[in-house]
Amino acid sequence: MELRIIHLRETKSTNDCLLEMDAADDAPDVMTVVVANYQTAGRGQSGNHWESEAGKNLLMSVMTHPRRIPVHQQYLLSMALACALRDVLSHYTDGITIKWPNDIYWHDKKISGTLIETRLKDKEISDCIFGIGINVNQTAFQSDAPNPVSLKNIIQNDTPTQEIMNAVIERLTHYIKMVEDEIASGMAASGNASGTSFSESKNDTLSSSGIRVDYLKNLYRLDGNMYPFEDNDGQFMASITTVLPDGTIVLADSDGQERRYAFKEVKFIVD
């Protein structure tokens, strides 16, 4: 795969920069990366602003052109990114997990957030932009974000952002290929949400292999314990059972009832 890296001192948003460049016109085997020292309007999930001190953190977006990824399985690309970031940060410290849907946590604190945007063609993903923010060397956070942490907060040393960027590109390339290979072989279709019972989805978690197992074995709070969550009806206690290939999270509440939620339908309560 050909790699094209563009370094910017400042930009509104690395995701927006790729969209404005229309890197989708690149050949299918070209990966385009935009990395910036500072974003004036960095975007996170649900329209949130991503706080970052200039020159301290890794702010990057990656445009890829995945092969034959059906729309209904696009969440596997989110799993690929989460697994890649978890691998990279785990090189520096223990305690790194993936918080559904694709944040990266160190214990109960957020070290990385992502924003994934896709374009479609003939019911398949034609282009995917992975927007990535990793708190690397920033030590103080001024926004009202409840639980940020940086790698320097954890290990007490500066880490070159270029070093982390290179590792992210390598691991992301690895996991995207894993997703493509699994879909080509039909393996990623196992555990589809349609018609899957509570016990079946739990057993599937244990018996599958590949991208979803890598994601689940490192999932924040997938440990059988009860934790507080909140949906439109209020707070409740539940344990995480699994995450299905379409991104649906499956919970078991304190009454033993199965609850399924899509992205934005349920909130983790984290102290």
C-alpha atoms as a PDB file:
ATOM      1  CA  MET A   1       0.000   0.000   0.000  1.00  0.00           C
ATOM      2  CA  GLU A   2       1.252   3.485  -0.878  1.00  0.00           C
ATOM      3  CA  LEU A   3       1.363   5.860   2.081  1.00  0.00           C
ATOM      4  CA  ARG A   4       1.009   9.629   1.725  1.00  0.00           C
ATOM      5  CA  ILE A   5       1.588  11.747   4.880  1.00  0.00           C
ATOM      6  CA  ILE A   6       0.774  15.469   5.045  1.00  0.00           C
ATOM      7  CA  HIS A   7       2.050  17.465   8.035  1.00  0.00           C
ATOM      8  CA  LEU A   8       0.257  20.702   8.961  1.00  0.00           C
ATOM      9  CA  ARG A   9       1.103  23.274  11.616  1.00  0.00           C
ATOM     10  CA  GLU A  10      -2.563  24.152  12.099  1.00  0.00           C
ATOM     11  CA  THR A  11      -5.916  23.213  10.600  1.00  0.00           C
ATOM     12  CA  LYS A  12      -9.575  23.472  11.496  1.00  0.00           C
ATOM     13  CA  SER A  13      -9.960  19.689  11.590  1.00  0.00           C
ATOM     14  CA  THR A  14      -7.821  16.926  10.107  1.00  0.00           C
ATOM     15  CA  ASN A  15     -10.989  15.060   9.077  1.00  0.00           C
ATOM     16  CA  ASP A  16     -12.333  18.150   7.323  1.00  0.00           C
ATOM     17  CA  CYS A  17      -8.951  18.684   5.678  1.00  0.00           C
ATOM     18  CA  LEU A  18      -9.121  15.228   4.082  1.00  0.00           C
ATOM     19  CA  LEU A  19     -12.687  15.819   2.948  1.00  0.00           C
ATOM     20  CA  GLU A  20     -11.747  19.156   1.373  1.00  0.00           C
ATOM     21  CA  MET A  21      -8.760  17.552  -0.377  1.00  0.00           C
ATOM     22  CA  ASP A  22     -11.170  14.899  -1.690  1.00  0.00           C
ATOM     23  CA  ALA A  23      -8.606  12.211  -1.051  1.00  0.00           C
ATOM     24  CA  ALA A  24     -11.325   9.759  -2.074  1.00  0.00           C
ATOM     25  CA  ASP A  25     -10.094  10.295  -5.622  1.00  0.00           C
ATOM     26  CA  ASP A  26      -6.835   8.559  -4.711  1.00  0.00           C
ATOM     27  CA  ALA A  27      -6.170   5.062  -6.000  1.00  0.00           C
ATOM     28  CA  PRO A  28      -7.618   2.263  -3.851  1.00  0.00           C
ATOM     29  CA  ASP A  29      -4.154   1.237  -2.631  1.00  0.00           C
ATOM     30  CA  VAL A  30      -3.253   4.739  -1.343  1.00  0.00           C
ATOM     31  CA  MET A  31      -3.583   5.600   2.359  1.00  0.00           C
ATOM     32  CA  THR A  32      -3.555   9.355   3.009  1.00  0.00           C
ATOM     33  CA  VAL A  33      -2.672  10.670   6.469  1.00  0.00           C
ATOM     34  CA  VAL A  34      -3.061  14.265   7.652  1.00  0.00           C
ATOM     35  CA  VAL A  35      -1.381  15.117  10.957  1.00  0.00           C
ATOM     36  CA  ALA A  36      -1.526  18.541  12.628  1.00  0.00           C
ATOM     37  CA  ASN A  37       0.189  20.247  15.540  1.00  0.00           C
ATOM     38  CA  TYR A  38      -3.063  22.035  16.390  1.00  0.00           C
ATOM     39  CA  GLN A  39      -6.731  21.923  15.436  1.00  0.00           C
ATOM     40  CA  THR A  40      -8.830  25.069  15.795  1.00  0.00           C
ATOM     41  CA  ALA A  41     -12.093  23.116  15.618  1.00  0.00           C
ATOM     42  CA  GLY A  42     -11.241  19.494  16.296  1.00  0.00           C
ATOM     43  CA  ARG A  43     -14.341  17.306  16.289  1.00  0.00           C
ATOM     44  CA  GLY A  44     -15.231  14.351  18.467  1.00  0.00           C
ATOM     45  CA  GLN A  45     -18.230  12.059  18.598  1.00  0.00           C
ATOM     46  CA  SER A  46     -21.707  13.633  18.922  1.00  0.00           C
ATOM     47  CA  GLY A  47     -20.357  17.044  17.910  1.00  0.00           C
ATOM     48  CA  ASN A  48     -18.071  17.312  20.941  1.00  0.00           C
ATOM     49  CA  HIS A  49     -14.967  19.483  20.799  1.00  0.00           C
ATOM     50  CA  TRP A  50     -11.606  17.720  21.208  1.00  0.00           C
ATOM     51  CA  GLU A  51      -9.311  19.726  23.492  1.00  0.00           C
ATOM     52  CA  SER A  52      -5.614  19.648  22.642  1.00  0.00           C
ATOM     53  CA  GLU A  53      -2.707  21.893  23.557  1.00  0.00           C
ATOM     54  CA  ALA A  54      -0.683  22.907  20.490  1.00  0.00           C
ATOM     55  CA  GLY A  55       2.173  20.550  19.713  1.00  0.00           C
ATOM     56  CA  LYS A  56       1.537  18.261  22.668  1.00  0.00           C
ATOM     57  CA  ASN A  57      -0.704  15.525  21.294  1.00  0.00           C
ATOM     58  CA  LEU A  58      -1.266  13.343  18.245  1.00  0.00           C
ATOM     59  CA  LEU A  59      -3.996  14.754  16.014  1.00  0.00           C
ATOM     60  CA  MET A  60      -4.358  12.798  12.807  1.00  0.00           C
ATOM     61  CA  SER A  61      -6.832  11.522  10.252  1.00  0.00           C
ATOM     62  CA  VAL A  62      -6.372   8.579   7.932  1.00  0.00           C
ATOM     63  CA  MET A  63      -8.233   8.093   4.644  1.00  0.00           C
ATOM     64  CA  THR A  64      -8.475   4.478   3.503  1.00  0.00           C
ATOM     65  CA  HIS A  65     -10.401   2.691   0.792  1.00  0.00           C
ATOM     66  CA  PRO A  66     -11.420  -0.663   2.301  1.00  0.00           C
ATOM     67  CA  ARG A  67     -12.299  -3.480  -0.055  1.00  0.00           C
ATOM     68  CA  ARG A  68     -15.761  -5.051  -0.106  1.00  0.00           C
ATOM     69  CA  ILE A  69     -16.965  -3.942   3.338  1.00  0.00           C
ATOM     70  CA  PRO A  70     -20.811  -4.101   3.353  1.00  0.00           C
ATOM     71  CA  VAL A  71     -22.623  -1.172   4.944  1.00  0.00           C
ATOM     72  CA  HIS A  72     -24.174  -3.376   7.617  1.00  0.00           C
ATOM     73  CA  GLN A  73     -20.699  -4.466   8.756  1.00  0.00           C
ATOM     74  CA  GLN A  74     -19.026  -1.062   8.810  1.00  0.00           C
ATOM     75  CA  TYR A  75     -18.686  -1.205  12.609  1.00  0.00           C
ATOM     76  CA  LEU A  76     -15.913  -3.760  12.080  1.00  0.00           C
ATOM     77  CA  LEU A  77     -13.798  -0.825  10.861  1.00  0.00           C
ATOM     78  CA  SER A  78     -14.460   0.913  14.168  1.00  0.00           C
ATOM     79  CA  MET A  79     -13.294  -2.244  15.917  1.00  0.00           C
ATOM     80  CA  ALA A  80     -10.163  -2.224  13.752  1.00  0.00           C
ATOM     81  CA  LEU A  81      -9.262   1.306  14.799  1.00  0.00           C
ATOM     82  CA  ALA A  82      -9.960   0.644  18.472  1.00  0.00           C
ATOM     83  CA  CYS A  83      -7.793  -2.487  18.436  1.00  0.00           C
ATOM     84  CA  ALA A  84      -4.975  -0.623  16.682  1.00  0.00           C
ATOM     85  CA  LEU A  85      -4.953   2.209  19.232  1.00  0.00           C
ATOM     86  CA  ARG A  86      -5.168  -0.216  22.133  1.00  0.00           C
ATOM     87  CA  ASP A  87      -2.168  -2.164  20.780  1.00  0.00           C
ATOM     88  CA  VAL A  88      -0.072   0.981  20.378  1.00  0.00           C
ATOM     89  CA  LEU A  89      -0.796   2.504  23.791  1.00  0.00           C
ATOM     90  CA  SER A  90      -0.385  -0.844  25.556  1.00  0.00           C
ATOM     91  CA  HIS A  91       3.245  -0.763  24.418  1.00  0.00           C
ATOM     92  CA  TYR A  92       3.797   2.085  26.890  1.00  0.00           C
ATOM     93  CA  THR A  93       1.608   1.162  29.857  1.00  0.00           C
ATOM     94  CA  ASP A  94      -0.724  -1.436  31.320  1.00  0.00           C
ATOM     95  CA  GLY A  95      -4.416  -0.793  31.944  1.00  0.00           C
ATOM     96  CA  ILE A  96      -5.412   0.229  28.388  1.00  0.00           C
ATOM     97  CA  THR A  97      -8.890  -0.890  27.303  1.00  0.00           C
ATOM     98  CA  ILE A  98     -11.488  -0.123  24.633  1.00  0.00           C
ATOM     99  CA  LYS A  99     -14.627   1.648  25.872  1.00  0.00           C
ATOM    100  CA  TRP A 100     -17.623   0.999  23.647  1.00  0.00           C
ATOM    101  CA  PRO A 101     -18.023   2.135  20.996  1.00  0.00           C
ATOM    102  CA  ASN A 102     -14.392   3.131  20.295  1.00  0.00           C
ATOM    103  CA  ASP A 103     -12.831   5.347  22.966  1.00  0.00           C
ATOM    104  CA  ILE A 104      -9.565   4.243  24.518  1.00  0.00           C
ATOM    105  CA  TYR A 105      -9.329   4.263  28.305  1.00  0.00           C
ATOM    106  CA  TRP A 106      -6.578   3.927  30.874  1.00  0.00           C
ATOM    107  CA  HIS A 107      -8.445   2.469  33.817  1.00  0.00           C
ATOM    108  CA  ASP A 108     -11.404   4.919  34.190  1.00  0.00           C
ATOM    109  CA  LYS A 109      -9.843   7.803  32.258  1.00  0.00           C
ATOM    110  CA  LYS A 110     -10.018   8.662  28.563  1.00  0.00           C
ATOM    111  CA  ILE A 111      -6.705   8.838  26.723  1.00  0.00           C
ATOM    112  CA  SER A 112      -7.941   8.716  23.120  1.00  0.00           C
ATOM    113  CA  GLY A 113     -11.068   9.539  21.152  1.00  0.00           C
ATOM    114  CA  THR A 114     -11.999   8.887  17.551  1.00  0.00           C
ATOM    115  CA  LEU A 115     -14.385  10.101  14.880  1.00  0.00           C
ATOM    116  CA  ILE A 116     -15.041   7.790  11.932  1.00  0.00           C
ATOM    117  CA  GLU A 117     -16.733   9.033   8.762  1.00  0.00           C
ATOM    118  CA  THR A 118     -17.582   6.846   5.775  1.00  0.00           C
ATOM    119  CA  ARG A 119     -18.801   7.235   2.225  1.00  0.00           C
ATOM    120  CA  LEU A 120     -20.793   4.581   0.444  1.00  0.00           C
ATOM    121  CA  LYS A 121     -21.017   3.142  -3.043  1.00  0.00           C
ATOM    122  CA  ASP A 122     -23.291   0.272  -4.088  1.00  0.00           C
ATOM    123  CA  LYS A 123     -24.061  -0.698  -0.467  1.00  0.00           C
ATOM    124  CA  GLU A 124     -20.356  -0.942   0.391  1.00  0.00           C
ATOM    125  CA  ILE A 125     -17.872   1.351   2.136  1.00  0.00           C
ATOM    126  CA  SER A 126     -15.943   3.178  -0.568  1.00  0.00           C
ATOM    127  CA  ASP A 127     -13.955   5.530   1.690  1.00  0.00           C
ATOM    128  CA  CYS A 128     -13.330   5.661   5.418  1.00  0.00           C
ATOM    129  CA  ILE A 129     -11.772   8.524   7.366  1.00  0.00           C
ATOM    130  CA  PHE A 130     -10.424   7.604  10.789  1.00  0.00           C
ATOM    131  CA  GLY A 131     -10.079  10.744  12.904  1.00  0.00           C
ATOM    132  CA  ILE A 132      -7.775  10.117  15.870  1.00  0.00           C
ATOM    133  CA  GLY A 133      -6.886  12.196  18.910  1.00  0.00           C
ATOM    134  CA  ILE A 134      -4.433  10.797  21.459  1.00  0.00           C
ATOM    135  CA  ASN A 135      -3.433  12.690  24.606  1.00  0.00           C
ATOM    136  CA  VAL A 136       0.331  12.240  24.556  1.00  0.00           C
ATOM    137  CA  ASN A 137       2.323  14.977  26.286  1.00  0.00           C
ATOM    138  CA  GLN A 138      -0.340  17.384  27.586  1.00  0.00           C
ATOM    139  CA  THR A 139      -0.511  17.365  31.387  1.00  0.00           C
ATOM    140  CA  ALA A 140      -3.321  19.837  32.210  1.00  0.00           C
ATOM    141  CA  PHE A 141      -6.799  19.918  30.663  1.00  0.00           C
ATOM    142  CA  GLN A 142      -8.966  23.041  30.807  1.00  0.00           C
ATOM    143  CA  SER A 143     -12.242  21.846  29.311  1.00  0.00           C
ATOM    144  CA  ASP A 144     -15.137  20.329  31.226  1.00  0.00           C
ATOM    145  CA  ALA A 145     -14.344  16.836  29.900  1.00  0.00           C
ATOM    146  CA  PRO A 146     -14.852  14.653  32.973  1.00  0.00           C
ATOM    147  CA  ASN A 147     -11.954  12.214  32.863  1.00  0.00           C
ATOM    148  CA  PRO A 148      -9.069  13.038  30.480  1.00  0.00           C
ATOM    149  CA  VAL A 149      -5.594  11.624  30.932  1.00  0.00           C
ATOM    150  CA  SER A 150      -2.431  11.717  28.841  1.00  0.00           C
ATOM    151  CA  LEU A 151       0.365   9.249  28.321  1.00  0.00           C
ATOM    152  CA  LYS A 152       2.711  11.660  30.116  1.00  0.00           C
ATOM    153  CA  ASN A 153       0.337  11.786  33.100  1.00  0.00           C
ATOM    154  CA  ILE A 154       0.718   8.013  33.279  1.00  0.00           C
ATOM    155  CA  ILE A 155       4.383   7.348  32.534  1.00  0.00           C
ATOM    156  CA  GLN A 156       5.824  10.765  33.542  1.00  0.00           C
ATOM    157  CA  ASN A 157       7.892  11.071  30.362  1.00  0.00           C
ATOM    158  CA  ASP A 158       7.436  12.766  26.996  1.00  0.00           C
ATOM    159  CA  THR A 159       6.855  10.473  24.018  1.00  0.00           C
ATOM    160  CA  PRO A 160       7.486  11.542  20.400  1.00  0.00           C
ATOM    161  CA  THR A 161       4.126  11.885  18.641  1.00  0.00           C
ATOM    162  CA  GLN A 162       5.785  10.797  15.384  1.00  0.00           C
ATOM    163  CA  GLU A 163       6.684   7.485  17.023  1.00  0.00           C
ATOM    164  CA  ILE A 164       3.082   6.892  18.049  1.00  0.00           C
ATOM    165  CA  MET A 165       1.779   7.969  14.634  1.00  0.00           C
ATOM    166  CA  ASN A 166       3.973   5.455  12.830  1.00  0.00           C
ATOM    167  CA  ALA A 167       2.831   2.677  15.138  1.00  0.00           C
ATOM    168  CA  VAL A 168      -0.847   3.603  14.685  1.00  0.00           C
ATOM    169  CA  ILE A 169      -0.520   3.468  10.894  1.00  0.00           C
ATOM    170  CA  GLU A 170       1.143   0.056  11.066  1.00  0.00           C
ATOM    171  CA  ARG A 171      -1.435  -1.474  13.426  1.00  0.00           C
ATOM    172  CA  LEU A 172      -4.407   0.103  11.644  1.00  0.00           C
ATOM    173  CA  THR A 173      -3.209  -1.303   8.322  1.00  0.00           C
ATOM    174  CA  HIS A 174      -2.913  -4.730   9.967  1.00  0.00           C
ATOM    175  CA  TYR A 175      -6.439  -4.677  11.393  1.00  0.00           C
ATOM    176  CA  ILE A 176      -8.105  -3.305   8.251  1.00  0.00           C
ATOM    177  CA  LYS A 177      -6.608  -6.192   6.307  1.00  0.00           C
ATOM    178  CA  MET A 178      -7.896  -8.570   9.003  1.00  0.00           C
ATOM    179  CA  VAL A 179     -11.431  -7.190   8.528  1.00  0.00           C
ATOM    180  CA  GLU A 180     -11.197  -7.440   4.740  1.00  0.00           C
ATOM    181  CA  ASP A 181      -9.951 -11.033   4.946  1.00  0.00           C
ATOM    182  CA  GLU A 182     -12.640 -12.041   7.449  1.00  0.00           C
ATOM    183  CA  ILE A 183     -15.440 -10.550   5.355  1.00  0.00           C
ATOM    184  CA  ALA A 184     -14.064 -12.211   2.227  1.00  0.00           C
ATOM    185  CA  SER A 185     -14.127 -15.562   4.023  1.00  0.00           C
ATOM    186  CA  GLY A 186     -17.547 -14.937   5.574  1.00  0.00           C
ATOM    187  CA  MET A 187     -16.233 -15.256   9.123  1.00  0.00           C
ATOM    188  CA  ALA A 188     -17.202 -11.759  10.249  1.00  0.00           C
ATOM    189  CA  ALA A 189     -20.877 -12.493   9.644  1.00  0.00           C
ATOM    190  CA  SER A 190     -21.045 -14.769  12.716  1.00  0.00           C
ATOM    191  CA  GLY A 191     -22.929 -13.340  15.678  1.00  0.00           C
ATOM    192  CA  ASN A 192     -25.178 -11.082  13.606  1.00  0.00           C
ATOM    193  CA  ALA A 193     -27.730  -9.355  15.820  1.00  0.00           C
ATOM    194  CA  SER A 194     -30.724 -10.716  13.941  1.00  0.00           C
ATOM    195  CA  GLY A 195     -32.259 -13.666  15.774  1.00  0.00           C
ATOM    196  CA  THR A 196     -29.373 -14.072  18.216  1.00  0.00           C
ATOM    197  CA  SER A 197     -30.410 -14.924  21.754  1.00  0.00           C
ATOM    198  CA  PHE A 198     -28.714 -13.793  24.957  1.00  0.00           C
ATOM    199  CA  SER A 199     -26.999 -17.147  25.507  1.00  0.00           C
ATOM    200  CA  GLU A 200     -26.059 -17.505  21.848  1.00  0.00           C
ATOM    201  CA  SER A 201     -24.432 -14.088  21.730  1.00  0.00           C
ATOM    202  CA  LYS A 202     -22.511 -14.843  24.929  1.00  0.00           C
ATOM    203  CA  ASN A 203     -21.248 -18.169  23.581  1.00  0.00           C
ATOM    204  CA  ASP A 204     -20.358 -16.523  20.289  1.00  0.00           C
ATOM    205  CA  THR A 205     -18.120 -14.104  22.189  1.00  0.00           C
ATOM    206  CA  LEU A 206     -16.108 -17.028  23.493  1.00  0.00           C
ATOM    207  CA  SER A 207     -15.939 -19.152  20.366  1.00  0.00           C
ATOM    208  CA  SER A 208     -15.267 -16.674  17.528  1.00  0.00           C
ATOM    209  CA  SER A 209     -11.845 -15.602  16.382  1.00  0.00           C
ATOM    210  CA  GLY A 210     -10.418 -12.552  14.667  1.00  0.00           C
ATOM    211  CA  ILE A 211     -11.161  -8.845  14.900  1.00  0.00           C
ATOM    212  CA  ARG A 212     -14.200  -9.142  17.147  1.00  0.00           C
ATOM    213  CA  VAL A 213     -12.422 -11.330  19.695  1.00  0.00           C
ATOM    214  CA  ASP A 214      -9.469  -8.921  19.763  1.00  0.00           C
ATOM    215  CA  TYR A 215     -11.964  -6.107  20.418  1.00  0.00           C
ATOM    216  CA  LEU A 216     -13.974  -7.973  23.072  1.00  0.00           C
ATOM    217  CA  LYS A 217     -11.065  -9.338  25.063  1.00  0.00           C
ATOM    218  CA  ASN A 218      -9.902  -5.767  25.652  1.00  0.00           C
ATOM    219  CA  LEU A 219     -13.339  -4.202  26.194  1.00  0.00           C
ATOM    220  CA  TYR A 220     -13.729  -1.837  29.142  1.00  0.00           C
ATOM    221  CA  ARG A 221     -15.918  -3.378  31.864  1.00  0.00           C
ATOM    222  CA  LEU A 222     -16.475  -6.687  30.065  1.00  0.00           C
ATOM    223  CA  ASP A 223     -15.719  -8.543  33.284  1.00  0.00           C
ATOM    224  CA  GLY A 224     -19.092  -9.881  34.472  1.00  0.00           C
ATOM    225  CA  ASN A 225     -19.557  -7.159  37.097  1.00  0.00           C
ATOM    226  CA  MET A 226     -22.516  -4.797  37.383  1.00  0.00           C
ATOM    227  CA  TYR A 227     -21.956  -1.123  36.518  1.00  0.00           C
ATOM    228  CA  PRO A 228     -24.243   1.928  36.262  1.00  0.00           C
ATOM    229  CA  PHE A 229     -25.618   2.912  32.861  1.00  0.00           C
ATOM    230  CA  GLU A 230     -28.200   5.450  31.739  1.00  0.00           C
ATOM    231  CA  ASP A 231     -30.739   5.381  28.912  1.00  0.00           C
ATOM    232  CA  ASN A 232     -33.832   7.465  28.138  1.00  0.00           C
ATOM    233  CA  ASP A 233     -35.666   5.849  31.064  1.00  0.00           C
ATOM    234  CA  GLY A 234     -32.984   6.676  33.640  1.00  0.00           C
ATOM    235  CA  GLN A 235     -30.109   4.928  35.378  1.00  0.00           C
ATOM    236  CA  PHE A 236     -29.834   1.180  35.868  1.00  0.00           C
ATOM    237  CA  MET A 237     -27.256  -1.452  36.789  1.00  0.00           C
ATOM    238  CA  ALA A 238     -26.065  -3.971  34.216  1.00  0.00           C
ATOM    239  CA  SER A 239     -23.140  -6.048  33.067  1.00  0.00           C
ATOM    240  CA  ILE A 240     -21.807  -6.097  29.507  1.00  0.00           C
ATOM    241  CA  THR A 241     -22.433  -9.365  27.678  1.00  0.00           C
ATOM    242  CA  THR A 242     -21.025  -8.670  24.209  1.00  0.00           C
ATOM    243  CA  VAL A 243     -20.847  -6.261  21.280  1.00  0.00           C
ATOM    244  CA  LEU A 244     -22.323  -7.570  18.040  1.00  0.00           C
ATOM    245  CA  PRO A 245     -20.709  -7.063  14.606  1.00  0.00           C
ATOM    246  CA  ASP A 246     -23.130  -4.223  13.808  1.00  0.00           C
ATOM    247  CA  GLY A 247     -21.961  -2.317  16.913  1.00  0.00           C
ATOM    248  CA  THR A 248     -24.951  -3.111  19.126  1.00  0.00           C
ATOM    249  CA  ILE A 249     -23.947  -3.465  22.780  1.00  0.00           C
ATOM    250  CA  VAL A 250     -25.727  -6.224  24.713  1.00  0.00           C
ATOM    251  CA  LEU A 251     -26.256  -5.731  28.454  1.00  0.00           C
ATOM    252  CA  ALA A 252     -27.787  -7.908  31.171  1.00  0.00           C
ATOM    253  CA  ASP A 253     -29.506  -5.771  33.797  1.00  0.00           C
ATOM    254  CA  SER A 254     -29.904  -6.509  37.494  1.00  0.00           C
ATOM    255  CA  ASP A 255     -33.253  -8.222  36.805  1.00  0.00           C
ATOM    256  CA  GLY A 256     -31.591 -10.623  34.377  1.00  0.00           C
ATOM    257  CA  GLN A 257     -33.171  -8.946  31.359  1.00  0.00           C
ATOM    258  CA  GLU A 258     -31.251  -8.497  28.125  1.00  0.00           C
ATOM    259  CA  ARG A 259     -30.952  -4.931  26.836  1.00  0.00           C
ATOM    260  CA  ARG A 260     -29.558  -3.978  23.434  1.00  0.00           C
ATOM    261  CA  TYR A 261     -28.441  -0.507  22.454  1.00  0.00           C
ATOM    262  CA  ALA A 262     -27.096   1.183  19.360  1.00  0.00           C
ATOM    263  CA  PHE A 263     -24.582   4.034  19.558  1.00  0.00           C
ATOM    264  CA  LYS A 264     -25.897   7.076  21.518  1.00  0.00           C
ATOM    265  CA  GLU A 265     -28.780   5.084  23.032  1.00  0.00           C
ATOM    266  CA  VAL A 266     -27.025   4.299  26.328  1.00  0.00           C
ATOM    267  CA  LYS A 267     -24.419   6.085  28.436  1.00  0.00           C
ATOM    268  CA  PHE A 268     -21.746   4.682  30.744  1.00  0.00           C
ATOM    269  CA  ILE A 269     -21.693   6.269  34.205  1.00  0.00           C
ATOM    270  CA  VAL A 270     -18.012   6.723  35.079  1.00  0.00           C
ATOM    271  CA  ASP A 271     -16.852   8.361  38.321  1.00  0.00           C
END
